[in-house]
Amino acid sequence: MNEDLREKIQTLAQWLYESRYTVVFTGAGISTDSGLPDFRGPDGVWTRRDEGLPPKPVGKPWKSVEPNIGHKAIVELQKLGKLKFLISQNVDNLHLKSGILDELLAELHGNIVKLRCTRCQNTIEQAAGQTICKCGGSLVSSVVDFGQSLPEKDLTLSFEHSRKSDLFIVAGSSLVVTPAADMPKEALSSGARLVIINKGETPFDIYAHLRFYENISEVLPRAVKKLKRLMGLFE
């Protein structure tokens, strides 16, 4: 690891240590180390489409994909009491699978293993085998398709927590899909430090207080390890 990256990771750890309200925002880039494609990376779904290529095949069913060390680093922040809220654009269920508490997570684009009620908007596991919600509404896939509105509750919570944050960490998102990508703007307007970990460029790069172009798995787990040392928790 070069000295510049080491210093930046140390800075991130220090900011995590100082933070009273850390919010993490994830996109498809956090799941690439689990074998899932991103969207705008060199081999991403939209990149390949624009080049006239089909999506890169995934070696196994999405439901059998496991969380990677990037997901687990966020769970560590939760265990340390440093994660106030997690906003995700992903539908892959890997955050919940990794151990993130449901009440700390907003899944803006839904979840492949959950159904959503068309009336009350509550979600339940597909595995429950229900087609009708207890309120009487119909249960449909929770995954948000293009042109559909984002789930109102998750969107409202995301804006609320973004405004409360003093440290806002973007991990694996190109930040071009709105309204999800408006969250960093809310955080910045409230005076939060903005950290972006993403291989590709984003419209918010010029506003970031700390910018990483490395893999999330190279940055977050190391920052959490250094955070533990700052907290006096030695491994």
Protein backbone atom coordinates (compact mmCIF):
# COMPACT_ATOMS: atom_id res chain seq x y z
CA MET A 1 0.00 0.00 0.00
CA ASN A 2 1.43 3.41 -0.92
CA GLU A 3 1.90 6.10 1.69
CA ASP A 4 -0.80 8.37 0.27
CA LEU A 5 -3.45 5.64 0.55
CA ARG A 6 -2.28 4.74 4.06
CA GLU A 7 -2.64 8.37 5.16
CA LYS A 8 -6.10 8.70 3.59
CA ILE A 9 -7.31 5.53 5.32
CA GLN A 10 -5.96 6.88 8.61
CA THR A 11 -7.86 10.13 8.00
CA LEU A 12 -11.08 8.21 7.33
CA ALA A 13 -10.57 6.24 10.55
CA GLN A 14 -10.04 9.46 12.48
CA TRP A 15 -13.18 11.01 11.01
CA LEU A 16 -15.16 7.88 11.91
CA TYR A 17 -13.80 8.15 15.44
CA GLU A 18 -14.83 11.82 15.68
CA SER A 19 -18.20 11.38 14.01
CA ARG A 20 -21.41 11.41 16.01
CA TYR A 21 -23.67 10.66 13.04
CA THR A 22 -22.17 8.53 10.27
CA VAL A 23 -24.39 7.64 7.32
CA VAL A 24 -23.21 5.22 4.64
CA PHE A 25 -24.61 5.20 1.09
CA THR A 26 -23.94 2.16 -1.10
CA GLY A 27 -24.33 1.37 -4.78
CA ALA A 28 -23.63 -1.67 -6.94
CA GLY A 29 -19.86 -1.21 -6.61
CA ILE A 30 -19.86 -2.65 -3.09
CA SER A 31 -21.16 -5.98 -4.39
CA THR A 32 -18.70 -6.53 -7.25
CA ASP A 33 -16.33 -8.41 -4.93
CA SER A 34 -19.23 -10.80 -4.28
CA GLY A 35 -19.37 -11.53 -8.02
CA LEU A 36 -22.24 -9.24 -8.97
CA PRO A 37 -21.91 -6.68 -11.79
CA ASP A 38 -21.97 -2.93 -11.24
CA PHE A 39 -23.64 -0.58 -13.71
CA ARG A 40 -21.14 1.99 -14.91
CA GLY A 41 -17.79 0.30 -14.28
CA PRO A 42 -15.59 -0.91 -17.17
CA ASP A 43 -17.61 -4.15 -17.35
CA GLY A 44 -20.83 -2.75 -15.92
CA VAL A 45 -24.36 -3.48 -17.11
CA TRP A 46 -24.90 -0.04 -18.71
CA THR A 47 -21.32 0.17 -20.03
CA ARG A 48 -21.71 -3.17 -21.83
CA ARG A 49 -25.16 -2.19 -23.11
CA ASP A 50 -23.78 1.04 -24.58
CA GLU A 51 -21.11 -1.02 -26.33
CA GLY A 52 -23.75 -3.35 -27.77
CA LEU A 53 -22.77 -6.21 -25.45
CA PRO A 54 -25.03 -8.37 -23.27
CA PRO A 55 -24.69 -8.19 -19.48
CA LYS A 56 -21.77 -10.18 -18.11
CA PRO A 57 -23.17 -13.49 -16.81
CA VAL A 58 -23.24 -14.03 -13.06
CA GLY A 59 -21.73 -17.38 -12.11
CA LYS A 60 -24.49 -18.30 -9.63
CA PRO A 61 -28.04 -17.22 -8.71
CA TRP A 62 -28.20 -13.80 -7.00
CA LYS A 63 -29.92 -15.30 -3.96
CA SER A 64 -26.92 -17.56 -3.30
CA VAL A 65 -24.34 -14.74 -3.50
CA GLU A 66 -22.62 -13.98 -0.19
CA PRO A 67 -21.60 -10.63 1.38
CA ASN A 68 -17.94 -9.62 1.04
CA ILE A 69 -15.54 -7.85 3.40
CA GLY A 70 -16.87 -4.46 2.29
CA HIS A 71 -20.37 -5.37 3.52
CA LYS A 72 -18.90 -6.84 6.70
CA ALA A 73 -16.92 -3.67 7.42
CA ILE A 74 -20.20 -1.72 7.52
CA VAL A 75 -21.60 -4.33 9.94
CA GLU A 76 -18.53 -3.71 12.11
CA LEU A 77 -19.39 0.01 12.16
CA GLN A 78 -22.86 -0.98 13.33
CA LYS A 79 -21.43 -3.15 16.12
CA LEU A 80 -19.15 -0.30 17.20
CA GLY A 81 -22.12 2.04 17.44
CA LYS A 82 -20.72 4.17 14.62
CA LEU A 83 -23.37 3.52 11.97
CA LYS A 84 -26.47 5.66 12.37
CA PHE A 85 -28.04 4.73 9.05
CA LEU A 86 -27.32 2.87 5.80
CA ILE A 87 -28.88 3.91 2.49
CA SER A 88 -28.55 1.45 -0.39
CA GLN A 89 -29.40 1.51 -4.08
CA ASN A 90 -28.86 -2.27 -4.23
CA VAL A 91 -31.55 -4.95 -4.48
CA ASP A 92 -29.23 -7.90 -3.80
CA ASN A 93 -30.15 -8.40 -0.09
CA LEU A 94 -26.45 -8.58 0.84
CA HIS A 95 -26.63 -5.88 3.53
CA LEU A 96 -29.35 -7.71 5.47
CA LYS A 97 -27.59 -11.01 4.83
CA SER A 98 -24.39 -9.57 6.29
CA GLY A 99 -26.13 -8.61 9.55
CA ILE A 100 -27.29 -5.01 9.11
CA LEU A 101 -30.34 -4.31 11.27
CA ASP A 102 -33.50 -3.75 9.26
CA GLU A 103 -34.28 -0.54 11.16
CA LEU A 104 -30.93 0.99 10.15
CA LEU A 105 -31.41 0.30 6.43
CA ALA A 106 -33.27 2.01 3.59
CA GLU A 107 -33.33 0.00 0.35
CA LEU A 108 -34.30 2.66 -2.17
CA HIS A 109 -34.67 0.27 -5.10
CA GLY A 110 -36.22 -2.64 -3.21
CA ASN A 111 -34.96 -6.13 -2.44
CA ILE A 112 -35.09 -9.29 -4.57
CA VAL A 113 -36.24 -11.44 -1.62
CA LYS A 114 -39.02 -9.10 -0.45
CA LEU A 115 -42.56 -8.27 -1.53
CA ARG A 116 -44.16 -4.87 -0.96
CA CYS A 117 -47.81 -4.17 -0.21
CA THR A 118 -49.44 -1.90 -2.79
CA ARG A 119 -51.65 -0.39 -0.07
CA CYS A 120 -49.62 0.08 3.15
CA GLN A 121 -46.13 -0.24 1.60
CA ASN A 122 -44.93 -2.73 4.25
CA THR A 123 -42.54 -5.41 3.03
CA ILE A 124 -42.43 -9.13 3.81
CA GLU A 125 -40.19 -12.00 2.79
CA GLN A 126 -41.13 -13.77 -0.44
CA ALA A 127 -40.46 -17.02 1.38
CA ALA A 128 -43.56 -16.43 3.52
CA GLY A 129 -45.60 -17.42 0.46
CA GLN A 130 -48.25 -14.70 0.92
CA THR A 131 -49.98 -12.87 -1.91
CA ILE A 132 -52.20 -10.63 0.23
CA CYS A 133 -50.97 -8.33 3.02
CA LYS A 134 -52.66 -8.38 6.44
CA CYS A 135 -54.09 -4.95 5.56
CA GLY A 136 -55.79 -6.47 2.51
CA GLY A 137 -53.49 -4.97 -0.11
CA SER A 138 -51.80 -6.98 -2.86
CA LEU A 139 -48.19 -8.06 -2.43
CA VAL A 140 -45.92 -7.44 -5.42
CA SER A 141 -42.17 -7.48 -6.01
CA SER A 142 -40.45 -4.75 -3.99
CA VAL A 143 -37.84 -4.17 -6.71
CA VAL A 144 -38.34 -0.74 -8.29
CA ASP A 145 -38.37 -0.75 -12.09
CA PHE A 146 -37.45 2.24 -14.27
CA GLY A 147 -40.19 4.85 -14.15
CA GLN A 148 -41.62 3.61 -10.85
CA SER A 149 -41.58 5.76 -7.72
CA LEU A 150 -39.16 4.91 -4.95
CA PRO A 151 -40.68 3.61 -1.70
CA GLU A 152 -41.86 6.71 0.17
CA LYS A 153 -40.89 5.56 3.68
CA ASP A 154 -37.33 4.59 2.67
CA LEU A 155 -36.90 7.80 0.70
CA THR A 156 -38.12 10.00 3.56
CA LEU A 157 -35.86 8.26 6.09
CA SER A 158 -32.89 8.58 3.73
CA PHE A 159 -33.33 12.33 3.39
CA GLU A 160 -33.84 12.74 7.16
CA HIS A 161 -30.68 10.82 8.09
CA SER A 162 -28.62 12.47 5.34
CA ARG A 163 -29.49 15.87 6.79
CA LYS A 164 -28.51 14.71 10.29
CA SER A 165 -25.16 13.26 9.23
CA ASP A 166 -21.79 14.77 10.08
CA LEU A 167 -19.95 12.10 8.04
CA PHE A 168 -21.46 10.77 4.82
CA ILE A 169 -19.62 7.87 3.16
CA VAL A 170 -20.45 6.88 -0.42
CA ALA A 171 -19.30 3.36 -1.30
CA GLY A 172 -19.63 2.06 -4.84
CA SER A 173 -22.07 4.50 -6.43
CA SER A 174 -21.64 6.73 -9.47
CA LEU A 175 -24.18 9.14 -7.89
CA VAL A 176 -26.01 9.87 -11.13
CA VAL A 177 -29.41 8.26 -10.44
CA THR A 178 -31.77 10.68 -8.69
CA PRO A 179 -33.40 11.14 -6.25
CA ALA A 180 -31.05 8.69 -4.55
CA ALA A 181 -28.03 10.72 -5.65
CA ASP A 182 -29.47 13.81 -3.98
CA MET A 183 -28.53 12.41 -0.55
CA PRO A 184 -24.88 13.62 -0.62
CA LYS A 185 -26.17 17.09 -1.49
CA GLU A 186 -28.38 17.05 1.60
CA ALA A 187 -25.45 15.92 3.75
CA LEU A 188 -23.13 18.60 2.38
CA SER A 189 -25.77 21.29 2.91
CA SER A 190 -25.92 20.26 6.56
CA GLY A 191 -22.16 20.60 6.94
CA ALA A 192 -21.20 16.91 6.79
CA ARG A 193 -17.84 15.65 5.60
CA LEU A 194 -18.24 13.76 2.34
CA VAL A 195 -16.14 10.65 1.61
CA ILE A 196 -16.44 8.89 -1.75
CA ILE A 197 -15.04 5.41 -2.42
CA ASN A 198 -15.72 4.58 -6.06
CA LYS A 199 -13.55 3.50 -8.97
CA GLY A 200 -15.35 5.66 -11.51
CA GLU A 201 -15.86 9.41 -11.42
CA THR A 202 -18.95 10.96 -9.84
CA PRO A 203 -20.55 14.43 -10.12
CA PHE A 204 -19.68 15.00 -6.45
CA ASP A 205 -15.93 14.37 -6.70
CA ILE A 206 -15.13 18.10 -6.58
CA TYR A 207 -17.08 18.41 -3.31
CA ALA A 208 -15.62 15.34 -1.59
CA HIS A 209 -13.45 15.99 1.45
CA LEU A 210 -11.79 12.60 0.91
CA ARG A 211 -11.77 10.66 -2.36
CA PHE A 212 -10.73 7.02 -2.90
CA TYR A 213 -10.53 5.38 -6.34
CA GLU A 214 -9.52 2.00 -4.90
CA ASN A 215 -11.74 -1.04 -4.30
CA ILE A 216 -14.02 -0.68 -1.30
CA SER A 217 -12.49 -3.87 0.11
CA GLU A 218 -9.09 -2.14 0.12
CA VAL A 219 -10.38 0.86 2.05
CA LEU A 220 -13.30 0.23 4.42
CA PRO A 221 -12.03 -2.86 6.29
CA ARG A 222 -8.66 -1.17 6.92
CA ALA A 223 -10.32 2.05 8.06
CA VAL A 224 -12.51 0.09 10.49
CA LYS A 225 -9.47 -1.75 11.84
CA LYS A 226 -7.72 1.57 12.50
CA LEU A 227 -10.92 2.93 14.05
CA LYS A 228 -10.92 0.04 16.52
CA ARG A 229 -7.39 0.94 17.56
CA LEU A 230 -8.43 4.55 18.07
CA MET A 231 -11.28 3.29 20.24
CA GLY A 232 -8.85 1.19 22.27
CA LEU A 233 -10.19 -2.08 20.86
CA PHE A 234 -7.16 -4.14 19.84
CA GLU A 235 -7.46 -7.30 17.77
